Amino acid sequence: MKIRVCIGSACHLKGSYNVINSLQQLVEEYHVVDEVEIHASFCLGVCSRAVSVKIDEGDVQSVSGATVRDFFIENVLPAVKRPEPVQAEK
């Protein structure tokens, strides 16, 4: 999974570097380093939604320092975490 975070002017002013740092911490916290790449990107074309974040080829979403954890849990984890296999009873 590739997460792109806009670092253009509007997003920079709204805290894009804080969002990037938070996402990197969450990737480590949830042990999905091998599944998730975070990239800084210039203009995702939706400056009014700053900080603009895009997962793979999905829609641009608005993320802030206050919403980054919820964004990660709701959008990233379900896509990368595979359910643990259920062990049959003996």
N, C-alpha and C. Protein backbone atom coordinates (compact mmCIF):
# COMPACT_ATOMS: atom_id res chain seq x y z
N MET A 1 0.85 -1.17 0.00
CA MET A 1 0.00 0.00 0.00
C MET A 1 0.90 1.23 0.00
N LYS A 2 0.53 2.18 -0.84
CA LYS A 2 1.28 3.42 -0.93
C LYS A 2 0.37 4.57 -0.50
N ILE A 3 0.79 5.30 0.54
CA ILE A 3 0.04 6.46 1.01
C ILE A 3 0.82 7.70 0.61
N ARG A 4 0.14 8.56 -0.14
CA ARG A 4 0.77 9.82 -0.55
C ARG A 4 0.15 10.96 0.25
N VAL A 5 1.01 11.79 0.82
CA VAL A 5 0.57 12.95 1.60
C VAL A 5 1.08 14.20 0.88
N CYS A 6 0.16 15.09 0.56
CA CYS A 6 0.53 16.32 -0.12
C CYS A 6 1.36 17.21 0.80
N ILE A 7 2.43 17.77 0.24
CA ILE A 7 3.25 18.73 0.98
C ILE A 7 3.28 20.07 0.25
N GLY A 8 2.33 20.27 -0.65
CA GLY A 8 2.22 21.55 -1.35
C GLY A 8 1.87 22.66 -0.37
N SER A 9 1.80 23.88 -0.87
CA SER A 9 1.63 25.06 -0.02
C SER A 9 0.48 24.98 0.96
N ALA A 10 -0.73 24.72 0.48
CA ALA A 10 -1.90 24.69 1.37
C ALA A 10 -1.78 23.57 2.39
N CYS A 11 -1.35 22.41 1.96
CA CYS A 11 -1.23 21.27 2.88
C CYS A 11 -0.10 21.48 3.87
N HIS A 12 0.99 22.07 3.39
CA HIS A 12 2.11 22.38 4.28
C HIS A 12 1.64 23.30 5.42
N LEU A 13 0.90 24.32 5.06
CA LEU A 13 0.41 25.26 6.06
C LEU A 13 -0.57 24.62 7.04
N LYS A 14 -1.26 23.57 6.60
CA LYS A 14 -2.24 22.89 7.47
C LYS A 14 -1.62 21.73 8.26
N GLY A 15 -0.31 21.49 8.10
CA GLY A 15 0.37 20.50 8.93
C GLY A 15 0.69 19.17 8.27
N SER A 16 0.99 19.18 6.98
CA SER A 16 1.26 17.93 6.29
C SER A 16 2.44 17.16 6.88
N TYR A 17 3.46 17.85 7.35
CA TYR A 17 4.62 17.15 7.91
C TYR A 17 4.26 16.47 9.23
N ASN A 18 3.35 17.06 9.99
CA ASN A 18 2.86 16.40 11.20
C ASN A 18 2.07 15.14 10.85
N VAL A 19 1.29 15.20 9.78
CA VAL A 19 0.52 14.04 9.34
C VAL A 19 1.47 12.93 8.90
N ILE A 20 2.50 13.29 8.14
CA ILE A 20 3.47 12.29 7.68
C ILE A 20 4.16 11.63 8.89
N ASN A 21 4.61 12.44 9.83
CA ASN A 21 5.28 11.89 11.01
C ASN A 21 4.34 10.98 11.80
N SER A 22 3.09 11.39 11.96
CA SER A 22 2.12 10.56 12.68
C SER A 22 1.87 9.25 11.95
N LEU A 23 1.73 9.30 10.63
CA LEU A 23 1.52 8.07 9.86
C LEU A 23 2.71 7.13 10.01
N GLN A 24 3.91 7.67 9.97
CA GLN A 24 5.11 6.83 10.13
C GLN A 24 5.12 6.17 11.51
N GLN A 25 4.74 6.91 12.54
CA GLN A 25 4.67 6.33 13.88
C GLN A 25 3.61 5.23 13.95
N LEU A 26 2.48 5.46 13.31
CA LEU A 26 1.40 4.46 13.33
C LEU A 26 1.80 3.19 12.58
N VAL A 27 2.50 3.35 11.48
CA VAL A 27 2.99 2.19 10.72
C VAL A 27 3.89 1.33 11.60
N GLU A 28 4.74 1.97 12.37
CA GLU A 28 5.62 1.23 13.27
C GLU A 28 4.85 0.64 14.44
N GLU A 29 3.95 1.43 15.01
CA GLU A 29 3.16 0.98 16.16
C GLU A 29 2.34 -0.26 15.84
N TYR A 30 1.77 -0.30 14.64
CA TYR A 30 0.91 -1.42 14.24
C TYR A 30 1.66 -2.49 13.45
N HIS A 31 2.98 -2.37 13.37
CA HIS A 31 3.84 -3.39 12.74
C HIS A 31 3.43 -3.70 11.31
N VAL A 32 3.22 -2.65 10.51
CA VAL A 32 2.88 -2.85 9.10
C VAL A 32 3.91 -2.18 8.19
N VAL A 33 5.15 -2.13 8.67
CA VAL A 33 6.23 -1.49 7.93
C VAL A 33 6.42 -2.14 6.55
N ASP A 34 6.27 -3.45 6.47
CA ASP A 34 6.48 -4.15 5.20
C ASP A 34 5.31 -3.97 4.23
N GLU A 35 4.16 -3.55 4.73
CA GLU A 35 2.97 -3.42 3.88
C GLU A 35 2.64 -1.99 3.47
N VAL A 36 3.16 -1.00 4.19
CA VAL A 36 2.75 0.39 3.96
C VAL A 36 3.96 1.27 3.68
N GLU A 37 3.88 2.04 2.59
CA GLU A 37 4.89 3.04 2.25
C GLU A 37 4.23 4.41 2.36
N ILE A 38 4.94 5.36 2.94
CA ILE A 38 4.43 6.73 3.04
C ILE A 38 5.34 7.63 2.23
N HIS A 39 4.72 8.42 1.35
CA HIS A 39 5.47 9.29 0.46
C HIS A 39 4.94 10.71 0.52
N ALA A 40 5.85 11.67 0.53
CA ALA A 40 5.48 13.07 0.39
C ALA A 40 5.24 13.31 -1.10
N SER A 41 4.21 14.06 -1.41
CA SER A 41 3.84 14.28 -2.80
C SER A 41 3.42 15.73 -2.98
N PHE A 42 3.77 16.32 -4.11
CA PHE A 42 3.28 17.66 -4.39
C PHE A 42 1.90 17.59 -5.00
N CYS A 43 1.09 18.49 -4.67
CA CYS A 43 -0.30 18.69 -5.08
C CYS A 43 -1.03 17.45 -5.58
N LEU A 44 -2.01 17.06 -4.82
CA LEU A 44 -2.90 15.97 -5.21
C LEU A 44 -4.15 16.52 -5.88
N GLY A 45 -4.19 17.84 -6.09
CA GLY A 45 -5.26 18.46 -6.86
C GLY A 45 -6.50 18.85 -6.08
N VAL A 46 -6.48 18.71 -4.77
CA VAL A 46 -7.65 19.04 -3.97
C VAL A 46 -7.20 19.93 -2.80
N CYS A 47 -6.68 21.09 -3.13
CA CYS A 47 -6.08 21.97 -2.11
C CYS A 47 -7.08 22.39 -1.04
N SER A 48 -8.34 22.46 -1.39
CA SER A 48 -9.35 22.88 -0.42
C SER A 48 -9.57 21.83 0.67
N ARG A 49 -9.04 20.61 0.48
CA ARG A 49 -9.21 19.55 1.47
C ARG A 49 -7.94 19.32 2.28
N ALA A 50 -7.06 20.28 2.29
CA ALA A 50 -5.76 20.13 2.96
C ALA A 50 -5.93 19.68 4.40
N VAL A 51 -5.15 18.78 4.83
CA VAL A 51 -4.05 18.04 4.25
C VAL A 51 -4.62 16.90 3.41
N SER A 52 -4.25 16.87 2.14
CA SER A 52 -4.75 15.86 1.22
C SER A 52 -3.91 14.59 1.31
N VAL A 53 -4.60 13.46 1.42
CA VAL A 53 -3.94 12.16 1.53
C VAL A 53 -4.64 11.20 0.58
N LYS A 54 -3.85 10.38 -0.09
CA LYS A 54 -4.40 9.42 -1.06
C LYS A 54 -3.76 8.06 -0.83
N ILE A 55 -4.60 7.02 -0.75
CA ILE A 55 -4.12 5.65 -0.63
C ILE A 55 -4.20 5.00 -1.99
N ASP A 56 -3.06 4.52 -2.47
CA ASP A 56 -2.97 3.90 -3.80
C ASP A 56 -3.68 4.79 -4.82
N GLU A 57 -4.65 4.26 -5.53
CA GLU A 57 -5.36 5.04 -6.54
C GLU A 57 -6.74 5.47 -6.06
N GLY A 58 -6.95 5.46 -4.75
CA GLY A 58 -8.24 5.83 -4.17
C GLY A 58 -8.49 7.33 -4.22
N ASP A 59 -9.58 7.73 -3.62
CA ASP A 59 -9.96 9.13 -3.56
C ASP A 59 -9.06 9.89 -2.58
N VAL A 60 -8.91 11.18 -2.84
CA VAL A 60 -8.18 12.05 -1.93
C VAL A 60 -9.05 12.29 -0.70
N GLN A 61 -8.43 12.16 0.46
CA GLN A 61 -9.14 12.38 1.71
C GLN A 61 -8.46 13.50 2.50
N SER A 62 -9.23 14.16 3.31
CA SER A 62 -8.71 15.22 4.16
C SER A 62 -8.33 14.63 5.51
N VAL A 63 -7.07 14.86 5.93
CA VAL A 63 -6.57 14.32 7.19
C VAL A 63 -5.88 15.45 7.95
N SER A 64 -6.02 15.46 9.25
CA SER A 64 -5.33 16.44 10.09
C SER A 64 -4.61 15.70 11.20
N GLY A 65 -3.86 16.44 11.97
CA GLY A 65 -3.19 15.84 13.12
C GLY A 65 -4.19 15.22 14.08
N ALA A 66 -5.37 15.81 14.17
CA ALA A 66 -6.40 15.31 15.08
C ALA A 66 -7.12 14.09 14.55
N THR A 67 -7.10 13.87 13.23
CA THR A 67 -7.86 12.76 12.65
C THR A 67 -6.98 11.66 12.07
N VAL A 68 -5.67 11.82 12.12
CA VAL A 68 -4.77 10.88 11.45
C VAL A 68 -4.89 9.47 12.02
N ARG A 69 -5.02 9.31 13.32
CA ARG A 69 -5.13 7.97 13.91
C ARG A 69 -6.42 7.29 13.44
N ASP A 70 -7.54 8.01 13.46
CA ASP A 70 -8.80 7.44 12.98
C ASP A 70 -8.71 7.07 11.51
N PHE A 71 -8.10 7.94 10.71
CA PHE A 71 -7.89 7.67 9.28
C PHE A 71 -7.11 6.36 9.11
N PHE A 72 -6.05 6.21 9.87
CA PHE A 72 -5.20 5.02 9.77
C PHE A 72 -5.97 3.77 10.16
N ILE A 73 -6.66 3.82 11.26
CA ILE A 73 -7.39 2.65 11.77
C ILE A 73 -8.54 2.27 10.83
N GLU A 74 -9.23 3.25 10.28
CA GLU A 74 -10.39 2.98 9.43
C GLU A 74 -10.04 2.64 7.99
N ASN A 75 -8.94 3.20 7.48
CA ASN A 75 -8.63 3.04 6.06
C ASN A 75 -7.41 2.20 5.74
N VAL A 76 -6.43 2.23 6.62
CA VAL A 76 -5.18 1.52 6.33
C VAL A 76 -5.19 0.12 6.92
N LEU A 77 -5.45 0.02 8.20
CA LEU A 77 -5.38 -1.29 8.86
C LEU A 77 -6.27 -2.35 8.22
N PRO A 78 -7.53 -2.06 7.89
CA PRO A 78 -8.35 -3.11 7.30
C PRO A 78 -7.79 -3.63 5.97
N ALA A 79 -7.08 -2.79 5.26
CA ALA A 79 -6.54 -3.20 3.96
C ALA A 79 -5.25 -4.01 4.07
N VAL A 80 -4.52 -3.84 5.16
CA VAL A 80 -3.24 -4.55 5.27
C VAL A 80 -3.22 -5.67 6.29
N LYS A 81 -4.04 -5.59 7.28
CA LYS A 81 -4.07 -6.64 8.30
C LYS A 81 -4.94 -7.80 7.84
N ARG A 82 -4.35 -8.94 7.83
CA ARG A 82 -5.12 -10.13 7.49
C ARG A 82 -5.60 -10.77 8.78
N PRO A 83 -6.82 -11.26 8.79
CA PRO A 83 -7.31 -11.87 10.03
C PRO A 83 -6.46 -13.09 10.40
N GLU A 84 -6.29 -13.26 11.68
CA GLU A 84 -5.56 -14.43 12.18
C GLU A 84 -6.38 -15.68 11.89
N PRO A 85 -5.74 -16.76 11.46
CA PRO A 85 -6.49 -17.98 11.20
C PRO A 85 -7.09 -18.55 12.50
N VAL A 86 -8.26 -19.04 12.39
CA VAL A 86 -8.95 -19.64 13.54
C VAL A 86 -8.45 -21.08 13.66
N GLN A 87 -7.98 -21.43 14.84
CA GLN A 87 -7.50 -22.78 15.05
C GLN A 87 -8.66 -23.68 15.40
N ALA A 88 -8.71 -24.83 14.76
CA ALA A 88 -9.79 -25.78 15.04
C ALA A 88 -9.61 -26.37 16.43
N GLU A 89 -10.73 -26.60 17.09
CA GLU A 89 -10.68 -27.22 18.41
C GLU A 89 -10.33 -28.69 18.27
N LYS A 90 -9.63 -29.21 19.26
CA LYS A 90 -9.22 -30.62 19.22
C LYS A 90 -10.14 -31.46 20.03
